[in-house]
Amino acid sequence: MCAIIGAILKQPTEADWENVKKVFLESSIRGLHATGASFLLHWNKGITTFIEPVPAEKFIKIHLEKSVKEFVNEDGNLYMIGHCRYSTSDLEYNQPIFNDQYSIAHNGVLTQEMPERWNDLYGYETKTKNDSELVLQCITANKSPLEEFPDSSMAVAELHYTKTLRFYRNGKRPIYFTHMPNGYIITSTEDIGFRSKLKPTPMPMSTYMTVSSDLTVNMKRVRSKNPDLQNA
């Protein structure tokens, strides 16, 4: 069990930033062993990521106790995804997982196969032994994770270097979003949203929701035979 977090906010205020930090704190109920966040701070410098093997409360004190002005892009907008992790084995390969173009935060299990077999089975060379990296490799190859891994469990938030945020779930893991006057905030569960004083809306399963820098929203549905466990 882990938490995913996301935010795309136009010209965010300090009050908006406090809301985002509140979401991190409330999300820690789903992951106390490691916390991370990726930001799109500068158009020409790619994605900036901070990861620490600490709970969200300590992570905020280390990295986020600054003005929101320190975390916005050059266009004045906030582009961010985050992750809180519970580890069942070790604290290697914490999230978000990223490259120059994308960063992803994933809750779920893509495969139980050993990492040594991933390239043969799925066609992706990975740098880590975290199966969540398969999502990153999949989108880097311009493929659809929901369709490439139909039997997996996933709720995912993606940060793209093109100033977009995309998120989705396949029915086996939850994800919610809150529509703000100036953007969107993503939480893993409805309860986390409510405790953060937000108004969460359930994300339809097997649907990609992409939000661009001008807050234009694109919804794309893919076929799925999975039951919708979020609403069970």
C-alpha atoms as a PDB file:
ATOM      1  CA  MET A   1       0.000   0.000   0.000  1.00  0.00           C
ATOM      2  CA  CYS A   2       1.383   3.368  -1.077  1.00  0.00           C
ATOM      3  CA  ALA A   3       0.055   6.865  -1.755  1.00  0.00           C
ATOM      4  CA  ILE A   4       0.299   8.906  -4.907  1.00  0.00           C
ATOM      5  CA  ILE A   5      -0.031  12.676  -4.944  1.00  0.00           C
ATOM      6  CA  GLY A   6      -0.263  15.198  -7.744  1.00  0.00           C
ATOM      7  CA  ALA A   7      -0.885  18.877  -8.388  1.00  0.00           C
ATOM      8  CA  ILE A   8      -1.135  21.162 -11.377  1.00  0.00           C
ATOM      9  CA  LEU A   9      -2.002  24.694 -10.277  1.00  0.00           C
ATOM     10  CA  LYS A  10      -1.903  27.977 -12.171  1.00  0.00           C
ATOM     11  CA  GLN A  11      -0.243  30.814 -10.254  1.00  0.00           C
ATOM     12  CA  PRO A  12      -0.528  28.995  -6.896  1.00  0.00           C
ATOM     13  CA  THR A  13      -0.796  30.968  -3.682  1.00  0.00           C
ATOM     14  CA  GLU A  14       0.856  30.142  -0.384  1.00  0.00           C
ATOM     15  CA  ALA A  15      -2.540  28.818   0.733  1.00  0.00           C
ATOM     16  CA  ASP A  16      -2.507  26.437  -2.245  1.00  0.00           C
ATOM     17  CA  TRP A  17       0.967  25.298  -1.237  1.00  0.00           C
ATOM     18  CA  GLU A  18      -0.214  24.608   2.302  1.00  0.00           C
ATOM     19  CA  ASN A  19      -2.975  22.446   0.800  1.00  0.00           C
ATOM     20  CA  VAL A  20      -0.391  20.434  -1.133  1.00  0.00           C
ATOM     21  CA  LYS A  21       1.736  19.920   1.980  1.00  0.00           C
ATOM     22  CA  LYS A  22      -1.388  18.887   3.882  1.00  0.00           C
ATOM     23  CA  VAL A  23      -2.023  16.211   1.258  1.00  0.00           C
ATOM     24  CA  PHE A  24       1.507  14.877   1.804  1.00  0.00           C
ATOM     25  CA  LEU A  25       0.938  14.706   5.556  1.00  0.00           C
ATOM     26  CA  GLU A  26      -2.431  12.992   5.238  1.00  0.00           C
ATOM     27  CA  SER A  27      -1.066  10.595   2.602  1.00  0.00           C
ATOM     28  CA  SER A  28       1.575   9.307   5.006  1.00  0.00           C
ATOM     29  CA  ILE A  29      -1.036   6.959   6.460  1.00  0.00           C
ATOM     30  CA  ARG A  30      -0.409   4.904   3.300  1.00  0.00           C
ATOM     31  CA  GLY A  31       3.388   5.077   3.482  1.00  0.00           C
ATOM     32  CA  LEU A  32       5.766   6.001   6.301  1.00  0.00           C
ATOM     33  CA  HIS A  33       9.031   4.520   5.058  1.00  0.00           C
ATOM     34  CA  ALA A  34       9.900   6.835   2.161  1.00  0.00           C
ATOM     35  CA  THR A  35       8.599  10.041   0.578  1.00  0.00           C
ATOM     36  CA  GLY A  36       9.400  11.685  -2.735  1.00  0.00           C
ATOM     37  CA  ALA A  37       8.298  14.450  -5.085  1.00  0.00           C
ATOM     38  CA  SER A  38       9.068  15.546  -8.636  1.00  0.00           C
ATOM     39  CA  PHE A  39       8.678  19.101  -9.928  1.00  0.00           C
ATOM     40  CA  LEU A  40       8.949  20.778 -13.301  1.00  0.00           C
ATOM     41  CA  LEU A  41      10.913  23.814 -12.155  1.00  0.00           C
ATOM     42  CA  HIS A  42      12.584  24.960 -15.369  1.00  0.00           C
ATOM     43  CA  TRP A  43      11.618  24.240 -18.949  1.00  0.00           C
ATOM     44  CA  ASN A  44      15.202  23.643 -20.072  1.00  0.00           C
ATOM     45  CA  LYS A  45      16.453  21.703 -17.031  1.00  0.00           C
ATOM     46  CA  GLY A  46      14.050  18.786 -17.052  1.00  0.00           C
ATOM     47  CA  ILE A  47      12.460  17.266 -13.984  1.00  0.00           C
ATOM     48  CA  THR A  48      13.723  17.908 -10.449  1.00  0.00           C
ATOM     49  CA  THR A  49      13.129  15.091  -7.953  1.00  0.00           C
ATOM     50  CA  PHE A  50      13.624  14.805  -4.191  1.00  0.00           C
ATOM     51  CA  ILE A  51      13.454  11.413  -2.435  1.00  0.00           C
ATOM     52  CA  GLU A  52      14.142  10.599   1.210  1.00  0.00           C
ATOM     53  CA  PRO A  53      13.717   7.388   3.289  1.00  0.00           C
ATOM     54  CA  VAL A  54      11.601   9.299   5.820  1.00  0.00           C
ATOM     55  CA  PRO A  55       7.899   9.952   6.544  1.00  0.00           C
ATOM     56  CA  ALA A  56       6.165  12.873   4.864  1.00  0.00           C
ATOM     57  CA  GLU A  57       6.439  15.081   7.959  1.00  0.00           C
ATOM     58  CA  LYS A  58      10.243  14.927   7.877  1.00  0.00           C
ATOM     59  CA  PHE A  59      10.317  15.139   4.088  1.00  0.00           C
ATOM     60  CA  ILE A  60       8.411  18.425   4.220  1.00  0.00           C
ATOM     61  CA  LYS A  61      10.863  19.866   6.753  1.00  0.00           C
ATOM     62  CA  ILE A  62      13.826  18.825   4.585  1.00  0.00           C
ATOM     63  CA  HIS A  63      12.561  19.925   1.178  1.00  0.00           C
ATOM     64  CA  LEU A  64       9.217  21.739   1.166  1.00  0.00           C
ATOM     65  CA  GLU A  65       9.398  24.335   3.947  1.00  0.00           C
ATOM     66  CA  LYS A  66       9.951  27.159   1.471  1.00  0.00           C
ATOM     67  CA  SER A  67       7.711  29.577  -0.362  1.00  0.00           C
ATOM     68  CA  VAL A  68       5.708  28.140  -3.229  1.00  0.00           C
ATOM     69  CA  LYS A  69       7.721  30.506  -5.451  1.00  0.00           C
ATOM     70  CA  GLU A  70      10.649  28.098  -5.081  1.00  0.00           C
ATOM     71  CA  PHE A  71       8.662  25.256  -6.676  1.00  0.00           C
ATOM     72  CA  VAL A  72       6.819  26.852  -9.580  1.00  0.00           C
ATOM     73  CA  ASN A  73       7.870  26.653 -13.201  1.00  0.00           C
ATOM     74  CA  GLU A  74       9.099  29.685 -15.101  1.00  0.00           C
ATOM     75  CA  ASP A  75       5.509  30.139 -16.331  1.00  0.00           C
ATOM     76  CA  GLY A  76       4.379  30.596 -12.722  1.00  0.00           C
ATOM     77  CA  ASN A  77       2.543  27.276 -12.506  1.00  0.00           C
ATOM     78  CA  LEU A  78       3.084  24.356 -10.131  1.00  0.00           C
ATOM     79  CA  TYR A  79       3.623  20.945 -11.724  1.00  0.00           C
ATOM     80  CA  MET A  80       4.205  18.187  -9.149  1.00  0.00           C
ATOM     81  CA  ILE A  81       3.733  14.511  -8.361  1.00  0.00           C
ATOM     82  CA  GLY A  82       4.584  12.755  -5.110  1.00  0.00           C
ATOM     83  CA  HIS A  83       4.704   9.362  -3.441  1.00  0.00           C
ATOM     84  CA  CYS A  84       4.562   7.922   0.075  1.00  0.00           C
ATOM     85  CA  ARG A  85       5.802   4.339   0.424  1.00  0.00           C
ATOM     86  CA  TYR A  86       5.443   1.429   2.751  1.00  0.00           C
ATOM     87  CA  SER A  87       8.296  -1.006   2.174  1.00  0.00           C
ATOM     88  CA  THR A  88       7.871  -4.747   2.630  1.00  0.00           C
ATOM     89  CA  SER A  89      11.544  -5.495   1.983  1.00  0.00           C
ATOM     90  CA  ASP A  90      14.062  -2.664   1.618  1.00  0.00           C
ATOM     91  CA  LEU A  91      14.298   1.055   0.954  1.00  0.00           C
ATOM     92  CA  GLU A  92      15.915   0.840  -2.453  1.00  0.00           C
ATOM     93  CA  TYR A  93      14.336   2.287  -5.578  1.00  0.00           C
ATOM     94  CA  ASN A  94      11.913   4.656  -3.903  1.00  0.00           C
ATOM     95  CA  GLN A  95       9.560   6.789  -5.953  1.00  0.00           C
ATOM     96  CA  PRO A  96       8.965   8.868  -7.988  1.00  0.00           C
ATOM     97  CA  ILE A  97      10.889   7.051 -10.727  1.00  0.00           C
ATOM     98  CA  PHE A  98      11.998   9.392 -13.480  1.00  0.00           C
ATOM     99  CA  ASN A  99      14.098  10.174 -16.524  1.00  0.00           C
ATOM    100  CA  ASP A 100      14.677  13.383 -18.487  1.00  0.00           C
ATOM    101  CA  GLN A 101      11.172  13.411 -19.945  1.00  0.00           C
ATOM    102  CA  TYR A 102       8.853  11.816 -17.402  1.00  0.00           C
ATOM    103  CA  SER A 103       8.388  11.063 -13.721  1.00  0.00           C
ATOM    104  CA  ILE A 104       5.887   8.560 -12.372  1.00  0.00           C
ATOM    105  CA  ALA A 105       4.360   7.696  -9.003  1.00  0.00           C
ATOM    106  CA  HIS A 106       2.720   4.271  -8.929  1.00  0.00           C
ATOM    107  CA  ASN A 107       0.664   2.369  -6.383  1.00  0.00           C
ATOM    108  CA  GLY A 108       0.169  -1.309  -7.119  1.00  0.00           C
ATOM    109  CA  VAL A 109       1.959  -4.323  -8.563  1.00  0.00           C
ATOM    110  CA  LEU A 110       2.769  -4.711 -12.241  1.00  0.00           C
ATOM    111  CA  THR A 111       4.458  -8.091 -12.145  1.00  0.00           C
ATOM    112  CA  GLN A 112       5.589 -10.830  -9.792  1.00  0.00           C
ATOM    113  CA  GLU A 113       8.253 -11.989 -12.256  1.00  0.00           C
ATOM    114  CA  MET A 114      11.914 -11.590 -11.322  1.00  0.00           C
ATOM    115  CA  PRO A 115      13.587  -8.427 -12.679  1.00  0.00           C
ATOM    116  CA  GLU A 116      16.025 -10.554 -14.676  1.00  0.00           C
ATOM    117  CA  ARG A 117      13.102 -11.670 -16.844  1.00  0.00           C
ATOM    118  CA  TRP A 118      11.469  -8.285 -17.482  1.00  0.00           C
ATOM    119  CA  ASN A 119      13.332  -7.524 -20.681  1.00  0.00           C
ATOM    120  CA  ASP A 120      12.441 -10.899 -22.193  1.00  0.00           C
ATOM    121  CA  LEU A 121       8.824 -10.756 -21.025  1.00  0.00           C
ATOM    122  CA  TYR A 122       7.976  -7.112 -21.602  1.00  0.00           C
ATOM    123  CA  GLY A 123      10.713  -5.733 -23.845  1.00  0.00           C
ATOM    124  CA  TYR A 124      11.937  -3.045 -21.454  1.00  0.00           C
ATOM    125  CA  GLU A 125      15.443  -2.639 -20.079  1.00  0.00           C
ATOM    126  CA  THR A 126      15.213  -1.276 -16.548  1.00  0.00           C
ATOM    127  CA  LYS A 127      17.724   0.431 -14.274  1.00  0.00           C
ATOM    128  CA  THR A 128      16.055  -0.609 -11.020  1.00  0.00           C
ATOM    129  CA  LYS A 129      14.409  -3.689  -9.537  1.00  0.00           C
ATOM    130  CA  ASN A 130      11.209  -1.792  -8.800  1.00  0.00           C
ATOM    131  CA  ASP A 131       8.473  -3.052 -11.126  1.00  0.00           C
ATOM    132  CA  SER A 132       6.972   0.465 -11.124  1.00  0.00           C
ATOM    133  CA  GLU A 133       9.783   1.396 -13.502  1.00  0.00           C
ATOM    134  CA  LEU A 134       7.986  -0.640 -16.154  1.00  0.00           C
ATOM    135  CA  VAL A 135       5.358   2.129 -16.232  1.00  0.00           C
ATOM    136  CA  LEU A 136       8.086   4.693 -16.881  1.00  0.00           C
ATOM    137  CA  GLN A 137       9.668   2.596 -19.629  1.00  0.00           C
ATOM    138  CA  CYS A 138       6.254   1.988 -21.160  1.00  0.00           C
ATOM    139  CA  ILE A 139       5.323   5.669 -21.483  1.00  0.00           C
ATOM    140  CA  THR A 140       8.843   6.520 -22.682  1.00  0.00           C
ATOM    141  CA  ALA A 141       8.211   4.037 -25.496  1.00  0.00           C
ATOM    142  CA  ASN A 142       4.932   5.881 -26.215  1.00  0.00           C
ATOM    143  CA  LYS A 143       2.816   2.897 -25.200  1.00  0.00           C
ATOM    144  CA  SER A 144      -0.239   2.585 -22.961  1.00  0.00           C
ATOM    145  CA  PRO A 145       0.395   1.112 -19.481  1.00  0.00           C
ATOM    146  CA  LEU A 146      -3.289   0.289 -19.012  1.00  0.00           C
ATOM    147  CA  GLU A 147      -3.179  -1.817 -22.163  1.00  0.00           C
ATOM    148  CA  GLU A 148       0.352  -3.182 -21.849  1.00  0.00           C
ATOM    149  CA  PHE A 149      -0.278  -4.467 -18.302  1.00  0.00           C
ATOM    150  CA  PRO A 150      -4.018  -5.298 -18.237  1.00  0.00           C
ATOM    151  CA  ASP A 151      -3.760  -7.820 -15.392  1.00  0.00           C
ATOM    152  CA  SER A 152      -1.662  -5.655 -13.092  1.00  0.00           C
ATOM    153  CA  SER A 153      -2.885  -3.385 -10.315  1.00  0.00           C
ATOM    154  CA  MET A 154      -2.145   0.281 -10.765  1.00  0.00           C
ATOM    155  CA  ALA A 155      -2.968   3.825  -9.860  1.00  0.00           C
ATOM    156  CA  VAL A 156      -0.502   6.203 -11.475  1.00  0.00           C
ATOM    157  CA  ALA A 157       0.341   9.896 -11.620  1.00  0.00           C
ATOM    158  CA  GLU A 158       2.693  11.012 -14.390  1.00  0.00           C
ATOM    159  CA  LEU A 159       4.559  14.316 -14.713  1.00  0.00           C
ATOM    160  CA  HIS A 160       5.579  15.122 -18.292  1.00  0.00           C
ATOM    161  CA  TYR A 161       8.304  17.573 -19.300  1.00  0.00           C
ATOM    162  CA  THR A 162       5.751  19.061 -21.723  1.00  0.00           C
ATOM    163  CA  LYS A 163       4.028  20.702 -18.740  1.00  0.00           C
ATOM    164  CA  THR A 164       1.278  18.135 -18.426  1.00  0.00           C
ATOM    165  CA  LEU A 165       0.020  15.871 -15.675  1.00  0.00           C
ATOM    166  CA  ARG A 166      -1.627  12.537 -16.467  1.00  0.00           C
ATOM    167  CA  PHE A 167      -3.246  10.137 -14.026  1.00  0.00           C
ATOM    168  CA  TYR A 168      -5.255   6.928 -14.196  1.00  0.00           C
ATOM    169  CA  ARG A 169      -6.190   3.665 -12.495  1.00  0.00           C
ATOM    170  CA  ASN A 170      -7.239   0.234 -13.736  1.00  0.00           C
ATOM    171  CA  GLY A 171      -9.841  -0.648 -11.112  1.00  0.00           C
ATOM    172  CA  LYS A 172      -7.585  -2.446  -8.626  1.00  0.00           C
ATOM    173  CA  ARG A 173      -6.159   0.655  -6.922  1.00  0.00           C
ATOM    174  CA  PRO A 174      -7.886   3.944  -5.980  1.00  0.00           C
ATOM    175  CA  ILE A 175      -7.264   7.498  -7.153  1.00  0.00           C
ATOM    176  CA  TYR A 176      -9.260  10.714  -6.712  1.00  0.00           C
ATOM    177  CA  PHE A 177      -8.918  14.267  -7.978  1.00  0.00           C
ATOM    178  CA  THR A 178     -10.116  17.639  -6.691  1.00  0.00           C
ATOM    179  CA  HIS A 179     -10.942  20.380  -9.185  1.00  0.00           C
ATOM    180  CA  MET A 180      -9.686  23.672  -7.759  1.00  0.00           C
ATOM    181  CA  PRO A 181     -10.442  27.156  -9.167  1.00  0.00           C
ATOM    182  CA  ASN A 182      -6.883  27.216 -10.534  1.00  0.00           C
ATOM    183  CA  GLY A 183      -6.161  23.568 -11.224  1.00  0.00           C
ATOM    184  CA  TYR A 184      -6.241  20.030  -9.849  1.00  0.00           C
ATOM    185  CA  ILE A 185      -4.918  18.131  -6.837  1.00  0.00           C
ATOM    186  CA  ILE A 186      -4.688  14.330  -6.856  1.00  0.00           C
ATOM    187  CA  THR A 187      -5.058  12.070  -3.826  1.00  0.00           C
ATOM    188  CA  SER A 188      -4.978   8.312  -3.499  1.00  0.00           C
ATOM    189  CA  THR A 189      -8.203   8.037  -1.528  1.00  0.00           C
ATOM    190  CA  GLU A 190     -11.351   9.995  -0.878  1.00  0.00           C
ATOM    191  CA  ASP A 191     -10.557  10.058   2.839  1.00  0.00           C
ATOM    192  CA  ILE A 192      -7.157  11.667   2.291  1.00  0.00           C
ATOM    193  CA  GLY A 193      -8.876  14.327   0.195  1.00  0.00           C
ATOM    194  CA  PHE A 194     -11.524  15.042   2.813  1.00  0.00           C
ATOM    195  CA  ARG A 195      -8.948  15.219   5.623  1.00  0.00           C
ATOM    196  CA  SER A 196      -6.991  17.681   3.490  1.00  0.00           C
ATOM    197  CA  LYS A 197     -10.117  19.893   3.242  1.00  0.00           C
ATOM    198  CA  LEU A 198     -10.532  19.087  -0.455  1.00  0.00           C
ATOM    199  CA  LYS A 199     -13.560  17.899  -2.417  1.00  0.00           C
ATOM    200  CA  PRO A 200     -12.378  14.683  -4.071  1.00  0.00           C
ATOM    201  CA  THR A 201     -14.028  13.192  -7.136  1.00  0.00           C
ATOM    202  CA  PRO A 202     -13.501   9.507  -7.991  1.00  0.00           C
ATOM    203  CA  MET A 203     -11.421   8.888 -11.085  1.00  0.00           C
ATOM    204  CA  PRO A 204     -13.172   6.666 -13.654  1.00  0.00           C
ATOM    205  CA  MET A 205     -11.332   3.369 -14.068  1.00  0.00           C
ATOM    206  CA  SER A 206      -9.308   2.576 -17.196  1.00  0.00           C
ATOM    207  CA  THR A 207      -9.375   6.220 -18.239  1.00  0.00           C
ATOM    208  CA  TYR A 208      -6.419   8.509 -18.859  1.00  0.00           C
ATOM    209  CA  MET A 209      -7.008  12.048 -17.603  1.00  0.00           C
ATOM    210  CA  THR A 210      -4.458  14.518 -18.956  1.00  0.00           C
ATOM    211  CA  VAL A 211      -4.294  18.112 -17.739  1.00  0.00           C
ATOM    212  CA  SER A 212      -2.205  20.604 -19.715  1.00  0.00           C
ATOM    213  CA  SER A 213      -0.614  23.869 -18.597  1.00  0.00           C
ATOM    214  CA  ASP A 214      -3.700  25.898 -19.528  1.00  0.00           C
ATOM    215  CA  LEU A 215      -5.827  23.411 -17.536  1.00  0.00           C
ATOM    216  CA  THR A 216      -7.362  21.881 -20.641  1.00  0.00           C
ATOM    217  CA  VAL A 217      -8.497  18.337 -19.766  1.00  0.00           C
ATOM    218  CA  ASN A 218      -8.430  15.364 -22.112  1.00  0.00           C
ATOM    219  CA  MET A 219     -10.096  12.077 -21.154  1.00  0.00           C
ATOM    220  CA  LYS A 220      -9.297   8.834 -22.989  1.00  0.00           C
ATOM    221  CA  ARG A 221     -10.972   5.548 -22.095  1.00  0.00           C
ATOM    222  CA  VAL A 222      -9.446   2.142 -22.813  1.00  0.00           C
ATOM    223  CA  ARG A 223     -11.142  -1.242 -22.714  1.00  0.00           C
ATOM    224  CA  SER A 224     -10.846  -3.278 -19.541  1.00  0.00           C
ATOM    225  CA  LYS A 225     -12.414  -6.396 -18.052  1.00  0.00           C
ATOM    226  CA  ASN A 226     -11.273  -5.539 -14.531  1.00  0.00           C
ATOM    227  CA  PRO A 227     -13.849  -5.081 -11.760  1.00  0.00           C
ATOM    228  CA  ASP A 228     -13.981  -1.611 -10.239  1.00  0.00           C
ATOM    229  CA  LEU A 229     -12.746  -2.327  -6.721  1.00  0.00           C
ATOM    230  CA  GLN A 230     -12.580   1.367  -5.824  1.00  0.00           C
ATOM    231  CA  ASN A 231     -16.353   1.532  -5.828  1.00  0.00           C
ATOM    232  CA  ALA A 232     -16.972  -2.000  -4.544  1.00  0.00           C
END
